[in-house]
Structure formats: structure tokens, C-alpha cells
Amino acid sequence: MRKGRKKGGRFRRRVCSFLLAGYFSLTNIHLSFSLHLHLHLQADGKVQV
């Protein structure tokens, strides 16, 4: 029974790390996309915030 408990904790930790990695990757993609969009608009000369 205690073994099952340990497994559950390990699984929860893995899920937490997975969620953190996904969140960071999403923010990274969003930042790079917004930066690319800003540079593209600047190159076109349509900078209107």
C-alpha cells in the first residue's frame, strides 16, 4: 500500500514538471511570435499600437 502512495507522489511530480515545461514553452512561443510580429510591422512601417 505504501508503494502505491510513493508512485502517486512521483506521478504528481511528473505532472507538475510537465505542466511547468508546457507553460514555459507556450510563453516562449508567444514572446517570440509577438516579437516577430512587432519587427514585421516595424519593417512595413505600420507601427500602430
N, C-alpha and C. Protein backbone atom coordinates (compact mmCIF):
# COMPACT_ATOMS: atom_id res chain seq x y z
N MET A 1 0.84 -1.19 0.00
CA MET A 1 0.00 0.00 0.00
C MET A 1 0.89 1.27 0.00
N ARG A 2 1.97 1.21 0.76
CA ARG A 2 2.84 2.39 0.80
C ARG A 2 3.52 2.61 -0.55
N LYS A 3 3.79 1.50 -1.25
CA LYS A 3 4.41 1.63 -2.57
C LYS A 3 3.50 2.44 -3.50
N GLY A 4 2.21 2.16 -3.45
CA GLY A 4 1.26 2.89 -4.29
C GLY A 4 1.31 4.38 -3.98
N ARG A 5 1.43 4.69 -2.70
CA ARG A 5 1.47 6.09 -2.31
C ARG A 5 2.69 6.77 -2.95
N LYS A 6 3.83 6.08 -2.90
CA LYS A 6 5.05 6.65 -3.48
C LYS A 6 4.86 6.88 -4.98
N LYS A 7 4.26 5.91 -5.63
CA LYS A 7 4.04 6.03 -7.08
C LYS A 7 3.18 7.27 -7.36
N GLY A 8 2.12 7.46 -6.56
CA GLY A 8 1.24 8.61 -6.78
C GLY A 8 2.01 9.92 -6.66
N GLY A 9 2.90 10.01 -5.66
CA GLY A 9 3.67 11.24 -5.48
C GLY A 9 4.57 11.49 -6.68
N ARG A 10 5.21 10.41 -7.15
CA ARG A 10 6.10 10.54 -8.30
C ARG A 10 5.30 11.00 -9.52
N PHE A 11 4.12 10.42 -9.70
CA PHE A 11 3.28 10.78 -10.85
C PHE A 11 2.89 12.25 -10.76
N ARG A 12 2.52 12.69 -9.55
CA ARG A 12 2.10 14.08 -9.37
C ARG A 12 3.26 15.02 -9.69
N ARG A 13 4.47 14.63 -9.24
CA ARG A 13 5.64 15.47 -9.51
C ARG A 13 5.89 15.56 -11.02
N ARG A 14 5.74 14.42 -11.69
CA ARG A 14 5.96 14.40 -13.14
C ARG A 14 4.95 15.30 -13.84
N VAL A 15 3.70 15.25 -13.39
CA VAL A 15 2.66 16.09 -14.00
C VAL A 15 2.98 17.57 -13.77
N CYS A 16 3.45 17.90 -12.56
CA CYS A 16 3.79 19.30 -12.26
C CYS A 16 4.91 19.77 -13.19
N SER A 17 5.95 18.96 -13.32
CA SER A 17 7.07 19.35 -14.18
C SER A 17 6.60 19.48 -15.64
N PHE A 18 5.72 18.56 -16.06
CA PHE A 18 5.21 18.60 -17.42
C PHE A 18 4.42 19.88 -17.66
N LEU A 19 3.58 20.25 -16.67
CA LEU A 19 2.78 21.47 -16.80
C LEU A 19 3.68 22.69 -16.85
N LEU A 20 4.70 22.71 -16.01
CA LEU A 20 5.64 23.84 -15.99
C LEU A 20 6.34 23.95 -17.33
N ALA A 21 6.80 22.82 -17.86
CA ALA A 21 7.50 22.85 -19.15
C ALA A 21 6.57 23.35 -20.24
N GLY A 22 5.33 22.88 -20.25
CA GLY A 22 4.36 23.33 -21.26
C GLY A 22 4.08 24.81 -21.14
N TYR A 23 3.96 25.30 -19.90
CA TYR A 23 3.67 26.72 -19.68
C TYR A 23 4.84 27.57 -20.18
N PHE A 24 6.06 27.17 -19.85
CA PHE A 24 7.23 27.93 -20.28
C PHE A 24 7.36 27.91 -21.79
N SER A 25 7.12 26.76 -22.41
CA SER A 25 7.23 26.67 -23.87
C SER A 25 6.17 27.55 -24.53
N LEU A 26 4.96 27.57 -23.95
CA LEU A 26 3.89 28.40 -24.51
C LEU A 26 4.25 29.88 -24.42
N THR A 27 4.76 30.31 -23.26
CA THR A 27 5.13 31.72 -23.09
C THR A 27 6.27 32.06 -24.03
N ASN A 28 7.21 31.12 -24.19
CA ASN A 28 8.35 31.36 -25.08
C ASN A 28 7.85 31.55 -26.51
N ILE A 29 6.94 30.68 -26.96
CA ILE A 29 6.39 30.77 -28.31
C ILE A 29 5.64 32.09 -28.47
N HIS A 30 4.87 32.48 -27.46
CA HIS A 30 4.10 33.73 -27.52
C HIS A 30 5.04 34.92 -27.61
N LEU A 31 6.10 34.91 -26.81
CA LEU A 31 7.06 36.03 -26.83
C LEU A 31 7.74 36.13 -28.18
N SER A 32 8.21 35.00 -28.70
CA SER A 32 8.90 35.02 -30.00
C SER A 32 7.93 35.45 -31.10
N PHE A 33 6.68 35.01 -31.03
CA PHE A 33 5.69 35.37 -32.05
C PHE A 33 5.39 36.87 -32.00
N SER A 34 5.20 37.41 -30.78
CA SER A 34 4.90 38.83 -30.64
C SER A 34 6.09 39.66 -31.13
N LEU A 35 7.31 39.21 -30.80
CA LEU A 35 8.50 39.93 -31.24
C LEU A 35 8.60 39.91 -32.76
N HIS A 36 8.36 38.76 -33.37
CA HIS A 36 8.40 38.63 -34.82
C HIS A 36 7.35 39.54 -35.46
N LEU A 37 6.16 39.54 -34.89
CA LEU A 37 5.08 40.37 -35.43
C LEU A 37 5.45 41.84 -35.33
N HIS A 38 6.01 42.25 -34.19
CA HIS A 38 6.40 43.65 -33.99
C HIS A 38 7.46 44.06 -35.01
N LEU A 39 8.46 43.20 -35.20
CA LEU A 39 9.53 43.51 -36.15
C LEU A 39 8.96 43.57 -37.57
N HIS A 40 8.05 42.66 -37.90
CA HIS A 40 7.45 42.65 -39.23
C HIS A 40 6.68 43.94 -39.49
N LEU A 41 5.89 44.36 -38.50
CA LEU A 41 5.11 45.60 -38.65
C LEU A 41 6.05 46.80 -38.75
N GLN A 42 7.13 46.79 -37.96
CA GLN A 42 8.08 47.89 -37.99
C GLN A 42 8.73 47.97 -39.38
N ALA A 43 9.04 46.82 -39.95
CA ALA A 43 9.66 46.79 -41.28
C ALA A 43 8.69 47.35 -42.32
N ASP A 44 7.41 47.07 -42.14
CA ASP A 44 6.41 47.56 -43.08
C ASP A 44 6.10 49.03 -42.85
N GLY A 45 6.48 49.57 -41.67
CA GLY A 45 6.20 50.96 -41.38
C GLY A 45 4.76 51.17 -40.95
N LYS A 46 4.17 50.15 -40.31
CA LYS A 46 2.78 50.29 -39.84
C LYS A 46 2.72 50.10 -38.34
N VAL A 47 3.59 50.78 -37.61
CA VAL A 47 3.63 50.61 -36.16
C VAL A 47 2.51 51.43 -35.54
N GLN A 48 1.41 50.74 -35.23
CA GLN A 48 0.25 51.41 -34.62
C GLN A 48 -0.20 50.57 -33.43
N VAL A 49 0.19 50.98 -32.22
CA VAL A 49 -0.17 50.21 -31.03
C VAL A 49 -1.51 50.69 -30.51
